[in-house]
């Protein structure tokens, strides 16, 4: 699949639920109204859509949420998609998780064909963790990370850089990840959803993060590429990598290869735009014929926009009304 700007779309992110067992401040409101079950695609429908995308050239699937592992019976989806890796056209099946349920699922994920996982972790301080997640158990996440590592998953830690909150931990996070063989990715906070607090006060450019890290660590440009938006540097002292995702200061739109499917069957061609395509209707109207579904996918890719228009609004208005947890982390 090629979009109007000649970019090959090879990466699909699939949100299997808008629910989560945490309430991270930059992702969700403290009191959320979740979608009713009847509005969600079944796991069988999600697998069917993913298979359709793979026939169209998608080579990487990332399962997201909310927290994907809170979806009942979600491992049936992982097992079904994992079979696409065995000559079915899929190169990689991954997920993004908060880590809380990995003690239960890590080994089964590996058995299903998952080799890498991104785990969201914004602080190594248990009290700060409770504050940013509003309810999280830091020790449980540490057990989840240990379980992922023990199961053989390659772990990358995702950290949202937040001014006045975790700025003093950046070097500690680099050292902690280096000791455990984890890559680390710093992400700028994004203006999505009404999350009830000042974004301007939180926002710190990742370029500032990199400059500060360069005062302590020897950083060099890396050719590493996971197919996502991060730009990487190698850290000489740890042998690991640090990625930087910069939707605000340096967008990654020129090389965008991804689209996002929500748990309701809505396809967003751009994280920062509202234009979307309804895949649930052709999926359910033609249960034995993928032709209309494929036609809807093709039509959506044909209008994928050139890029997003994220700005930090001084009045704290979101650039996009939907929460990150709805779109898929």
C-alpha atoms as a PDB file:
ATOM      1  CA  UNK A   1       0.000   0.000   0.000  1.00  0.00           C
ATOM      2  CA  UNK A   2       1.202   3.488  -0.863  1.00  0.00           C
ATOM      3  CA  UNK A   3      -0.343   6.716   0.381  1.00  0.00           C
ATOM      4  CA  UNK A   4      -0.722   9.850  -1.789  1.00  0.00           C
ATOM      5  CA  UNK A   5       2.796  10.957  -0.852  1.00  0.00           C
ATOM      6  CA  UNK A   6       4.534   7.751  -1.924  1.00  0.00           C
ATOM      7  CA  UNK A   7       5.022   6.365   1.584  1.00  0.00           C
ATOM      8  CA  UNK A   8       4.611   2.610   1.936  1.00  0.00           C
ATOM      9  CA  UNK A   9       2.214   1.697   4.747  1.00  0.00           C
ATOM     10  CA  UNK A  10       3.696  -1.417   6.354  1.00  0.00           C
ATOM     11  CA  UNK A  11       2.857  -0.953  10.048  1.00  0.00           C
ATOM     12  CA  UNK A  12      -0.534  -1.299  11.756  1.00  0.00           C
ATOM     13  CA  UNK A  13      -1.145  -0.452  15.403  1.00  0.00           C
ATOM     14  CA  UNK A  14      -4.255  -2.111  16.810  1.00  0.00           C
ATOM     15  CA  UNK A  15      -5.937  -0.934  20.001  1.00  0.00           C
ATOM     16  CA  UNK A  16      -7.810  -3.924  21.416  1.00  0.00           C
ATOM     17  CA  UNK A  17      -9.412  -1.988  24.274  1.00  0.00           C
ATOM     18  CA  UNK A  18      -9.817   1.564  25.559  1.00  0.00           C
ATOM     19  CA  UNK A  19      -9.646   0.258  29.137  1.00  0.00           C
ATOM     20  CA  UNK A  20      -6.636   0.236  31.417  1.00  0.00           C
ATOM     21  CA  UNK A  21      -5.887  -0.682  35.002  1.00  0.00           C
ATOM     22  CA  UNK A  22      -3.913   2.570  35.402  1.00  0.00           C
ATOM     23  CA  UNK A  23      -4.880   6.214  34.784  1.00  0.00           C
ATOM     24  CA  UNK A  24      -1.675   7.849  33.554  1.00  0.00           C
ATOM     25  CA  UNK A  25      -2.113  11.607  33.658  1.00  0.00           C
ATOM     26  CA  UNK A  26      -1.006  12.308  30.072  1.00  0.00           C
ATOM     27  CA  UNK A  27      -3.125   9.497  28.611  1.00  0.00           C
ATOM     28  CA  UNK A  28      -6.481   9.378  30.382  1.00  0.00           C
ATOM     29  CA  UNK A  29      -8.801  11.427  32.523  1.00  0.00           C
ATOM     30  CA  UNK A  30      -9.071  10.298  36.136  1.00  0.00           C
ATOM     31  CA  UNK A  31     -12.750   9.445  35.655  1.00  0.00           C
ATOM     32  CA  UNK A  32     -13.172   7.781  32.279  1.00  0.00           C
ATOM     33  CA  UNK A  33     -16.328   6.670  30.506  1.00  0.00           C
ATOM     34  CA  UNK A  34     -15.397   3.517  28.637  1.00  0.00           C
ATOM     35  CA  UNK A  35     -16.989   2.121  25.519  1.00  0.00           C
ATOM     36  CA  UNK A  36     -19.776  -0.433  25.920  1.00  0.00           C
ATOM     37  CA  UNK A  37     -18.853  -3.959  24.924  1.00  0.00           C
ATOM     38  CA  UNK A  38     -21.322  -3.959  22.017  1.00  0.00           C
ATOM     39  CA  UNK A  39     -19.316  -1.220  20.281  1.00  0.00           C
ATOM     40  CA  UNK A  40     -16.076  -3.215  20.298  1.00  0.00           C
ATOM     41  CA  UNK A  41     -14.822  -5.469  17.563  1.00  0.00           C
ATOM     42  CA  UNK A  42     -14.640  -9.063  18.672  1.00  0.00           C
ATOM     43  CA  UNK A  43     -11.191 -10.598  18.828  1.00  0.00           C
ATOM     44  CA  UNK A  44     -12.100 -12.694  15.781  1.00  0.00           C
ATOM     45  CA  UNK A  45     -13.027  -9.535  13.875  1.00  0.00           C
ATOM     46  CA  UNK A  46      -9.754  -7.894  14.874  1.00  0.00           C
ATOM     47  CA  UNK A  47      -7.813 -10.866  13.593  1.00  0.00           C
ATOM     48  CA  UNK A  48      -9.715 -10.727  10.321  1.00  0.00           C
ATOM     49  CA  UNK A  49      -8.912  -7.028   9.848  1.00  0.00           C
ATOM     50  CA  UNK A  50      -5.239  -7.643  10.680  1.00  0.00           C
ATOM     51  CA  UNK A  51      -5.085 -10.467   8.167  1.00  0.00           C
ATOM     52  CA  UNK A  52      -6.591  -8.168   5.532  1.00  0.00           C
ATOM     53  CA  UNK A  53      -3.912  -5.571   6.205  1.00  0.00           C
ATOM     54  CA  UNK A  54      -1.186  -8.191   5.960  1.00  0.00           C
ATOM     55  CA  UNK A  55      -2.493  -9.242   2.538  1.00  0.00           C
ATOM     56  CA  UNK A  56      -2.148  -5.579   1.567  1.00  0.00           C
ATOM     57  CA  UNK A  57       1.494  -5.404   2.629  1.00  0.00           C
ATOM     58  CA  UNK A  58       1.575  -4.674   6.352  1.00  0.00           C
ATOM     59  CA  UNK A  59       4.610  -6.403   7.850  1.00  0.00           C
ATOM     60  CA  UNK A  60       4.483  -5.232  11.472  1.00  0.00           C
ATOM     61  CA  UNK A  61       1.591  -5.395  13.917  1.00  0.00           C
ATOM     62  CA  UNK A  62       1.657  -3.726  17.320  1.00  0.00           C
ATOM     63  CA  UNK A  63      -1.111  -4.512  19.803  1.00  0.00           C
ATOM     64  CA  UNK A  64      -1.949  -1.591  22.081  1.00  0.00           C
ATOM     65  CA  UNK A  65      -4.723  -0.237  24.278  1.00  0.00           C
ATOM     66  CA  UNK A  66      -5.464   1.167  26.819  1.00  0.00           C
ATOM     67  CA  UNK A  67      -3.700  -1.771  28.359  1.00  0.00           C
ATOM     68  CA  UNK A  68      -4.067  -4.619  25.845  1.00  0.00           C
ATOM     69  CA  UNK A  69      -3.646  -7.405  28.377  1.00  0.00           C
ATOM     70  CA  UNK A  70      -6.789  -6.407  30.308  1.00  0.00           C
ATOM     71  CA  UNK A  71      -8.923  -7.497  27.313  1.00  0.00           C
ATOM     72  CA  UNK A  72     -10.570 -10.806  28.154  1.00  0.00           C
ATOM     73  CA  UNK A  73      -9.136 -13.750  26.178  1.00  0.00           C
ATOM     74  CA  UNK A  74      -6.720 -11.441  24.329  1.00  0.00           C
ATOM     75  CA  UNK A  75      -4.178 -14.258  24.050  1.00  0.00           C
ATOM     76  CA  UNK A  76      -6.408 -15.910  21.447  1.00  0.00           C
ATOM     77  CA  UNK A  77      -5.712 -12.893  19.238  1.00  0.00           C
ATOM     78  CA  UNK A  78      -1.969 -13.124  19.827  1.00  0.00           C
ATOM     79  CA  UNK A  79      -2.003 -16.815  18.981  1.00  0.00           C
ATOM     80  CA  UNK A  80      -3.961 -16.217  15.789  1.00  0.00           C
ATOM     81  CA  UNK A  81      -1.753 -13.363  14.641  1.00  0.00           C
ATOM     82  CA  UNK A  82       1.375 -15.244  15.629  1.00  0.00           C
ATOM     83  CA  UNK A  83       0.536 -17.857  13.010  1.00  0.00           C
ATOM     84  CA  UNK A  84       0.945 -15.156  10.355  1.00  0.00           C
ATOM     85  CA  UNK A  85       4.638 -15.061  11.202  1.00  0.00           C
ATOM     86  CA  UNK A  86       5.057 -18.608   9.944  1.00  0.00           C
ATOM     87  CA  UNK A  87       5.008 -17.902   6.218  1.00  0.00           C
ATOM     88  CA  UNK A  88       1.872 -15.764   6.451  1.00  0.00           C
ATOM     89  CA  UNK A  89       3.517 -12.505   5.463  1.00  0.00           C
ATOM     90  CA  UNK A  90       4.003 -10.954   8.900  1.00  0.00           C
ATOM     91  CA  UNK A  91       7.545 -10.072   9.978  1.00  0.00           C
ATOM     92  CA  UNK A  92       6.889  -8.844  13.513  1.00  0.00           C
ATOM     93  CA  UNK A  93       4.205  -8.995  16.200  1.00  0.00           C
ATOM     94  CA  UNK A  94       4.769  -6.714  19.195  1.00  0.00           C
ATOM     95  CA  UNK A  95       2.846  -4.941  21.923  1.00  0.00           C
ATOM     96  CA  UNK A  96       2.973  -1.937  24.206  1.00  0.00           C
ATOM     97  CA  UNK A  97       2.070  -2.589  27.839  1.00  0.00           C
ATOM     98  CA  UNK A  98       2.199  -0.986  31.258  1.00  0.00           C
ATOM     99  CA  UNK A  99       3.690  -4.218  32.619  1.00  0.00           C
ATOM    100  CA  UNK A 100       1.186  -4.980  35.350  1.00  0.00           C
ATOM    101  CA  UNK A 101      -0.057  -8.251  33.818  1.00  0.00           C
ATOM    102  CA  UNK A 102       3.217  -9.526  32.399  1.00  0.00           C
ATOM    103  CA  UNK A 103       3.859 -11.917  35.315  1.00  0.00           C
ATOM    104  CA  UNK A 104       0.805 -13.797  34.037  1.00  0.00           C
ATOM    105  CA  UNK A 105       1.267 -13.468  30.279  1.00  0.00           C
ATOM    106  CA  UNK A 106       4.962 -13.029  29.399  1.00  0.00           C
ATOM    107  CA  UNK A 107       5.715 -16.672  28.621  1.00  0.00           C
ATOM    108  CA  UNK A 108       2.520 -17.106  26.633  1.00  0.00           C
ATOM    109  CA  UNK A 109       3.341 -14.017  24.577  1.00  0.00           C
ATOM    110  CA  UNK A 110       6.682 -15.515  23.626  1.00  0.00           C
ATOM    111  CA  UNK A 111       5.000 -18.801  22.704  1.00  0.00           C
ATOM    112  CA  UNK A 112       2.648 -16.810  20.440  1.00  0.00           C
ATOM    113  CA  UNK A 113       5.515 -15.306  18.470  1.00  0.00           C
ATOM    114  CA  UNK A 114       6.105 -12.017  20.279  1.00  0.00           C
ATOM    115  CA  UNK A 115       9.819 -11.224  20.542  1.00  0.00           C
ATOM    116  CA  UNK A 116       9.829  -7.564  21.602  1.00  0.00           C
ATOM    117  CA  UNK A 117       7.741  -5.481  23.967  1.00  0.00           C
ATOM    118  CA  UNK A 118       7.560  -1.791  24.846  1.00  0.00           C
ATOM    119  CA  UNK A 119       6.825  -1.098  28.503  1.00  0.00           C
ATOM    120  CA  UNK A 120       5.713   2.335  29.656  1.00  0.00           C
ATOM    121  CA  UNK A 121       7.626   3.552  32.701  1.00  0.00           C
ATOM    122  CA  UNK A 122       8.014   7.249  33.490  1.00  0.00           C
ATOM    123  CA  UNK A 123       9.822   7.076  36.825  1.00  0.00           C
ATOM    124  CA  UNK A 124      11.830   4.768  39.040  1.00  0.00           C
ATOM    125  CA  UNK A 125      10.429   6.362  42.188  1.00  0.00           C
ATOM    126  CA  UNK A 126       7.502   4.360  43.641  1.00  0.00           C
ATOM    127  CA  UNK A 127       5.711   7.419  45.029  1.00  0.00           C
ATOM    128  CA  UNK A 128       6.074   9.377  41.786  1.00  0.00           C
ATOM    129  CA  UNK A 129       4.822   6.313  39.930  1.00  0.00           C
ATOM    130  CA  UNK A 130       1.687   6.266  42.072  1.00  0.00           C
ATOM    131  CA  UNK A 131       1.148   9.969  41.351  1.00  0.00           C
ATOM    132  CA  UNK A 132       1.546   9.807  37.562  1.00  0.00           C
ATOM    133  CA  UNK A 133      -0.526   6.622  37.219  1.00  0.00           C
ATOM    134  CA  UNK A 134      -3.010   7.734  39.897  1.00  0.00           C
ATOM    135  CA  UNK A 135      -3.279   4.149  41.184  1.00  0.00           C
ATOM    136  CA  UNK A 136      -0.277   2.119  40.062  1.00  0.00           C
ATOM    137  CA  UNK A 137       1.718  -0.437  42.051  1.00  0.00           C
ATOM    138  CA  UNK A 138       5.383   0.124  41.197  1.00  0.00           C
ATOM    139  CA  UNK A 139       6.489  -3.230  42.585  1.00  0.00           C
ATOM    140  CA  UNK A 140       3.990  -5.060  40.394  1.00  0.00           C
ATOM    141  CA  UNK A 141       5.376  -3.359  37.286  1.00  0.00           C
ATOM    142  CA  UNK A 142       8.910  -4.289  38.332  1.00  0.00           C
ATOM    143  CA  UNK A 143       7.771  -7.907  38.618  1.00  0.00           C
ATOM    144  CA  UNK A 144       6.235  -7.626  35.170  1.00  0.00           C
ATOM    145  CA  UNK A 145       9.446  -6.300  33.666  1.00  0.00           C
ATOM    146  CA  UNK A 146      11.400  -9.088  35.332  1.00  0.00           C
ATOM    147  CA  UNK A 147       8.938 -11.656  33.969  1.00  0.00           C
ATOM    148  CA  UNK A 148       9.295 -10.267  30.445  1.00  0.00           C
ATOM    149  CA  UNK A 149      13.055 -10.429  30.707  1.00  0.00           C
ATOM    150  CA  UNK A 150      12.997 -13.973  32.112  1.00  0.00           C
ATOM    151  CA  UNK A 151      10.694 -15.119  29.300  1.00  0.00           C
ATOM    152  CA  UNK A 152      13.205 -13.886  26.724  1.00  0.00           C
ATOM    153  CA  UNK A 153      11.342 -10.803  25.514  1.00  0.00           C
ATOM    154  CA  UNK A 154      13.490  -7.942  24.277  1.00  0.00           C
ATOM    155  CA  UNK A 155      12.367  -4.983  26.376  1.00  0.00           C
ATOM    156  CA  UNK A 156      12.289  -1.321  25.479  1.00  0.00           C
ATOM    157  CA  UNK A 157      11.241   1.212  28.119  1.00  0.00           C
ATOM    158  CA  UNK A 158       9.095   4.158  26.997  1.00  0.00           C
ATOM    159  CA  UNK A 159       9.331   7.293  29.131  1.00  0.00           C
ATOM    160  CA  UNK A 160       7.271  10.440  28.652  1.00  0.00           C
ATOM    161  CA  UNK A 161       9.481  13.420  29.484  1.00  0.00           C
ATOM    162  CA  UNK A 162       7.618  15.732  31.857  1.00  0.00           C
ATOM    163  CA  UNK A 163       8.909  19.046  33.089  1.00  0.00           C
ATOM    164  CA  UNK A 164       9.055  19.290  36.848  1.00  0.00           C
ATOM    165  CA  UNK A 165       8.232  15.632  37.293  1.00  0.00           C
ATOM    166  CA  UNK A 166      10.929  13.258  36.042  1.00  0.00           C
ATOM    167  CA  UNK A 167      13.608  15.579  34.655  1.00  0.00           C
ATOM    168  CA  UNK A 168      15.961  14.677  37.484  1.00  0.00           C
ATOM    169  CA  UNK A 169      15.642  10.945  36.638  1.00  0.00           C
ATOM    170  CA  UNK A 170      16.756  10.903  33.015  1.00  0.00           C
ATOM    171  CA  UNK A 171      20.325   9.849  33.771  1.00  0.00           C
ATOM    172  CA  UNK A 172      19.155   7.315  36.328  1.00  0.00           C
ATOM    173  CA  UNK A 173      16.816   5.773  33.755  1.00  0.00           C
ATOM    174  CA  UNK A 174      19.638   5.477  31.227  1.00  0.00           C
ATOM    175  CA  UNK A 175      21.836   3.713  33.784  1.00  0.00           C
ATOM    176  CA  UNK A 176      19.009   1.459  34.996  1.00  0.00           C
ATOM    177  CA  UNK A 177      18.119   0.375  31.467  1.00  0.00           C
ATOM    178  CA  UNK A 178      21.779  -0.098  30.566  1.00  0.00           C
ATOM    179  CA  UNK A 179      22.327  -2.416  33.525  1.00  0.00           C
ATOM    180  CA  UNK A 180      19.450  -4.600  32.353  1.00  0.00           C
ATOM    181  CA  UNK A 181      20.142  -4.573  28.630  1.00  0.00           C
ATOM    182  CA  UNK A 182      17.061  -2.482  27.801  1.00  0.00           C
ATOM    183  CA  UNK A 183      16.785   0.227  25.187  1.00  0.00           C
ATOM    184  CA  UNK A 184      15.102   3.421  26.370  1.00  0.00           C
ATOM    185  CA  UNK A 185      12.877   5.847  24.470  1.00  0.00           C
ATOM    186  CA  UNK A 186      11.987   9.380  25.555  1.00  0.00           C
ATOM    187  CA  UNK A 187       8.686  10.765  24.238  1.00  0.00           C
ATOM    188  CA  UNK A 188       7.348  14.311  24.189  1.00  0.00           C
ATOM    189  CA  UNK A 189       3.926  14.803  25.744  1.00  0.00           C
ATOM    190  CA  UNK A 190       1.258  15.172  23.053  1.00  0.00           C
ATOM    191  CA  UNK A 191      -1.864  17.412  23.004  1.00  0.00           C
ATOM    192  CA  UNK A 192      -4.478  14.666  22.850  1.00  0.00           C
ATOM    193  CA  UNK A 193      -7.692  14.506  24.855  1.00  0.00           C
ATOM    194  CA  UNK A 194      -8.957  16.589  27.758  1.00  0.00           C
ATOM    195  CA  UNK A 195      -6.800  15.255  30.560  1.00  0.00           C
ATOM    196  CA  UNK A 196      -7.535  18.000  33.040  1.00  0.00           C
ATOM    197  CA  UNK A 197      -4.182  19.609  33.712  1.00  0.00           C
ATOM    198  CA  UNK A 198      -1.767  22.065  32.135  1.00  0.00           C
ATOM    199  CA  UNK A 199       0.185  20.671  29.199  1.00  0.00           C
ATOM    200  CA  UNK A 200       2.316  23.775  28.863  1.00  0.00           C
ATOM    201  CA  UNK A 201       3.679  23.287  32.359  1.00  0.00           C
ATOM    202  CA  UNK A 202       4.517  19.623  31.623  1.00  0.00           C
ATOM    203  CA  UNK A 203       6.029  19.996  28.183  1.00  0.00           C
ATOM    204  CA  UNK A 204       9.776  19.590  27.773  1.00  0.00           C
ATOM    205  CA  UNK A 205      11.336  19.268  24.297  1.00  0.00           C
ATOM    206  CA  UNK A 206      13.133  15.975  23.784  1.00  0.00           C
ATOM    207  CA  UNK A 207      15.957  17.977  22.219  1.00  0.00           C
ATOM    208  CA  UNK A 208      16.540  19.374  25.701  1.00  0.00           C
ATOM    209  CA  UNK A 209      16.536  15.846  27.117  1.00  0.00           C
ATOM    210  CA  UNK A 210      19.159  14.764  24.608  1.00  0.00           C
ATOM    211  CA  UNK A 211      21.352  17.772  25.331  1.00  0.00           C
ATOM    212  CA  UNK A 212      21.258  17.068  29.062  1.00  0.00           C
ATOM    213  CA  UNK A 213      22.063  13.399  28.558  1.00  0.00           C
ATOM    214  CA  UNK A 214      24.997  14.371  26.376  1.00  0.00           C
ATOM    215  CA  UNK A 215      26.598  16.048  29.389  1.00  0.00           C
ATOM    216  CA  UNK A 216      26.868  12.651  31.140  1.00  0.00           C
ATOM    217  CA  UNK A 217      26.861  10.014  28.421  1.00  0.00           C
ATOM    218  CA  UNK A 218      28.768   9.554  25.166  1.00  0.00           C
ATOM    219  CA  UNK A 219      26.065   9.561  22.503  1.00  0.00           C
ATOM    220  CA  UNK A 220      26.543   8.822  18.818  1.00  0.00           C
ATOM    221  CA  UNK A 221      24.055   8.602  15.970  1.00  0.00           C
ATOM    222  CA  UNK A 222      22.695   5.113  15.443  1.00  0.00           C
ATOM    223  CA  UNK A 223      21.462   3.496  12.277  1.00  0.00           C
ATOM    224  CA  UNK A 224      19.040   1.383  14.318  1.00  0.00           C
ATOM    225  CA  UNK A 225      15.457   1.469  13.071  1.00  0.00           C
ATOM    226  CA  UNK A 226      12.498  -0.484  14.455  1.00  0.00           C
ATOM    227  CA  UNK A 227      10.088   0.772  11.818  1.00  0.00           C
ATOM    228  CA  UNK A 228       8.564   3.258  14.244  1.00  0.00           C
ATOM    229  CA  UNK A 229       9.008   7.021  14.718  1.00  0.00           C
ATOM    230  CA  UNK A 230      11.966   6.982  17.133  1.00  0.00           C
ATOM    231  CA  UNK A 231      15.382   8.288  16.159  1.00  0.00           C
ATOM    232  CA  UNK A 232      18.161   6.479  18.031  1.00  0.00           C
ATOM    233  CA  UNK A 233      21.585   7.159  19.466  1.00  0.00           C
ATOM    234  CA  UNK A 234      24.063   4.643  20.837  1.00  0.00           C
ATOM    235  CA  UNK A 235      25.298   5.025  24.415  1.00  0.00           C
ATOM    236  CA  UNK A 236      28.985   4.121  24.607  1.00  0.00           C
ATOM    237  CA  UNK A 237      29.011   3.525  28.359  1.00  0.00           C
ATOM    238  CA  UNK A 238      26.079   1.078  28.454  1.00  0.00           C
ATOM    239  CA  UNK A 239      26.125  -0.473  24.986  1.00  0.00           C
ATOM    240  CA  UNK A 240      22.388   0.198  24.688  1.00  0.00           C
ATOM    241  CA  UNK A 241      20.376   2.696  22.669  1.00  0.00           C
ATOM    242  CA  UNK A 242      18.268   5.736  23.485  1.00  0.00           C
ATOM    243  CA  UNK A 243      15.404   6.652  21.193  1.00  0.00           C
ATOM    244  CA  UNK A 244      13.722  10.039  20.887  1.00  0.00           C
ATOM    245  CA  UNK A 245      10.134  10.491  19.678  1.00  0.00           C
ATOM    246  CA  UNK A 246       9.531  14.146  18.884  1.00  0.00           C
ATOM    247  CA  UNK A 247       5.983  14.785  17.597  1.00  0.00           C
ATOM    248  CA  UNK A 248       6.150  18.409  18.739  1.00  0.00           C
ATOM    249  CA  UNK A 249       9.660  19.685  17.998  1.00  0.00           C
ATOM    250  CA  UNK A 250      10.494  17.543  14.949  1.00  0.00           C
ATOM    251  CA  UNK A 251       7.630  15.534  13.588  1.00  0.00           C
ATOM    252  CA  UNK A 252       8.276  12.184  11.954  1.00  0.00           C
ATOM    253  CA  UNK A 253       5.602  12.558   9.285  1.00  0.00           C
ATOM    254  CA  UNK A 254       7.886  12.458   6.247  1.00  0.00           C
ATOM    255  CA  UNK A 255       8.681   8.809   6.918  1.00  0.00           C
ATOM    256  CA  UNK A 256       5.335   7.748   8.405  1.00  0.00           C
ATOM    257  CA  UNK A 257       4.582   4.144   7.530  1.00  0.00           C
ATOM    258  CA  UNK A 258       1.748   3.471   9.993  1.00  0.00           C
ATOM    259  CA  UNK A 259      -1.977   3.645  10.561  1.00  0.00           C
ATOM    260  CA  UNK A 260      -4.013   2.966  13.699  1.00  0.00           C
ATOM    261  CA  UNK A 261      -7.073   0.798  14.212  1.00  0.00           C
ATOM    262  CA  UNK A 262      -9.221   1.414  17.284  1.00  0.00           C
ATOM    263  CA  UNK A 263     -11.080  -1.245  19.205  1.00  0.00           C
ATOM    264  CA  UNK A 264     -14.328  -0.098  17.537  1.00  0.00           C
ATOM    265  CA  UNK A 265     -13.028  -0.688  14.020  1.00  0.00           C
ATOM    266  CA  UNK A 266     -12.235   2.938  13.239  1.00  0.00           C
ATOM    267  CA  UNK A 267      -9.057   3.438  11.239  1.00  0.00           C
ATOM    268  CA  UNK A 268      -7.089   6.630  11.834  1.00  0.00           C
ATOM    269  CA  UNK A 269      -4.633   7.376   9.069  1.00  0.00           C
ATOM    270  CA  UNK A 270      -2.812   9.957  11.216  1.00  0.00           C
ATOM    271  CA  UNK A 271      -2.393  10.175  14.987  1.00  0.00           C
ATOM    272  CA  UNK A 272      -2.895  13.934  14.955  1.00  0.00           C
ATOM    273  CA  UNK A 273      -5.827  14.247  12.538  1.00  0.00           C
ATOM    274  CA  UNK A 274      -9.518  13.471  12.976  1.00  0.00           C
ATOM    275  CA  UNK A 275     -10.156  12.006   9.518  1.00  0.00           C
ATOM    276  CA  UNK A 276     -10.979   8.325   9.904  1.00  0.00           C
ATOM    277  CA  UNK A 277     -12.440   5.338   8.078  1.00  0.00           C
ATOM    278  CA  UNK A 278     -15.129   2.960   9.294  1.00  0.00           C
ATOM    279  CA  UNK A 279     -13.983  -0.635   8.852  1.00  0.00           C
ATOM    280  CA  UNK A 280     -16.550  -2.166  11.178  1.00  0.00           C
ATOM    281  CA  UNK A 281     -19.429  -1.689   8.737  1.00  0.00           C
ATOM    282  CA  UNK A 282     -17.936  -3.620   5.791  1.00  0.00           C
ATOM    283  CA  UNK A 283     -16.484  -6.153   8.208  1.00  0.00           C
ATOM    284  CA  UNK A 284     -19.896  -7.030   9.620  1.00  0.00           C
ATOM    285  CA  UNK A 285     -21.977  -6.459   6.496  1.00  0.00           C
ATOM    286  CA  UNK A 286     -19.899  -8.966   4.524  1.00  0.00           C
ATOM    287  CA  UNK A 287     -18.775 -11.667   6.966  1.00  0.00           C
ATOM    288  CA  UNK A 288     -17.778 -14.074   4.181  1.00  0.00           C
ATOM    289  CA  UNK A 289     -16.317 -11.598   1.701  1.00  0.00           C
ATOM    290  CA  UNK A 290     -13.194  -9.536   2.397  1.00  0.00           C
ATOM    291  CA  UNK A 291     -13.585  -7.567  -0.844  1.00  0.00           C
ATOM    292  CA  UNK A 292     -15.522  -4.651   0.678  1.00  0.00           C
ATOM    293  CA  UNK A 293     -13.179  -4.570   3.685  1.00  0.00           C
ATOM    294  CA  UNK A 294     -10.124  -4.432   1.436  1.00  0.00           C
ATOM    295  CA  UNK A 295     -11.766  -1.725  -0.667  1.00  0.00           C
ATOM    296  CA  UNK A 296     -12.398   0.349   2.480  1.00  0.00           C
ATOM    297  CA  UNK A 297      -8.773  -0.078   3.537  1.00  0.00           C
ATOM    298  CA  UNK A 298      -7.525   0.969   0.096  1.00  0.00           C
ATOM    299  CA  UNK A 299      -9.780   4.038   0.084  1.00  0.00           C
ATOM    300  CA  UNK A 300      -8.535   5.056   3.532  1.00  0.00           C
ATOM    301  CA  UNK A 301      -4.859   4.752   2.616  1.00  0.00           C
ATOM    302  CA  UNK A 302      -5.541   6.814  -0.516  1.00  0.00           C
ATOM    303  CA  UNK A 303      -6.416   9.793   1.686  1.00  0.00           C
ATOM    304  CA  UNK A 304      -3.741   9.444   4.366  1.00  0.00           C
ATOM    305  CA  UNK A 305      -2.660  13.036   5.131  1.00  0.00           C
ATOM    306  CA  UNK A 306       0.845  14.375   4.813  1.00  0.00           C
ATOM    307  CA  UNK A 307       1.231  14.999   8.534  1.00  0.00           C
ATOM    308  CA  UNK A 308      -0.201  16.163  11.825  1.00  0.00           C
ATOM    309  CA  UNK A 309      -0.521  19.683  13.188  1.00  0.00           C
ATOM    310  CA  UNK A 310       0.373  19.233  16.851  1.00  0.00           C
ATOM    311  CA  UNK A 311       1.056  22.416  18.785  1.00  0.00           C
ATOM    312  CA  UNK A 312       1.226  23.128  22.484  1.00  0.00           C
ATOM    313  CA  UNK A 313      -1.806  25.348  23.063  1.00  0.00           C
ATOM    314  CA  UNK A 314      -1.314  28.027  25.696  1.00  0.00           C
ATOM    315  CA  UNK A 315      -4.925  27.544  26.745  1.00  0.00           C
ATOM    316  CA  UNK A 316      -4.306  23.810  27.167  1.00  0.00           C
ATOM    317  CA  UNK A 317      -6.838  22.851  24.504  1.00  0.00           C
ATOM    318  CA  UNK A 318      -6.080  19.462  22.947  1.00  0.00           C
ATOM    319  CA  UNK A 319      -5.149  19.405  19.267  1.00  0.00           C
ATOM    320  CA  UNK A 320      -7.178  16.194  19.035  1.00  0.00           C
ATOM    321  CA  UNK A 321     -10.199  15.586  21.269  1.00  0.00           C
ATOM    322  CA  UNK A 322      -9.860  11.813  21.591  1.00  0.00           C
ATOM    323  CA  UNK A 323      -7.696  10.415  24.367  1.00  0.00           C
ATOM    324  CA  UNK A 324      -4.497   8.581  23.535  1.00  0.00           C
ATOM    325  CA  UNK A 325      -5.995   5.495  25.168  1.00  0.00           C
ATOM    326  CA  UNK A 326      -8.791   5.500  22.569  1.00  0.00           C
ATOM    327  CA  UNK A 327      -6.497   5.829  19.563  1.00  0.00           C
ATOM    328  CA  UNK A 328      -3.940   3.342  20.788  1.00  0.00           C
ATOM    329  CA  UNK A 329      -0.791   4.229  22.737  1.00  0.00           C
END
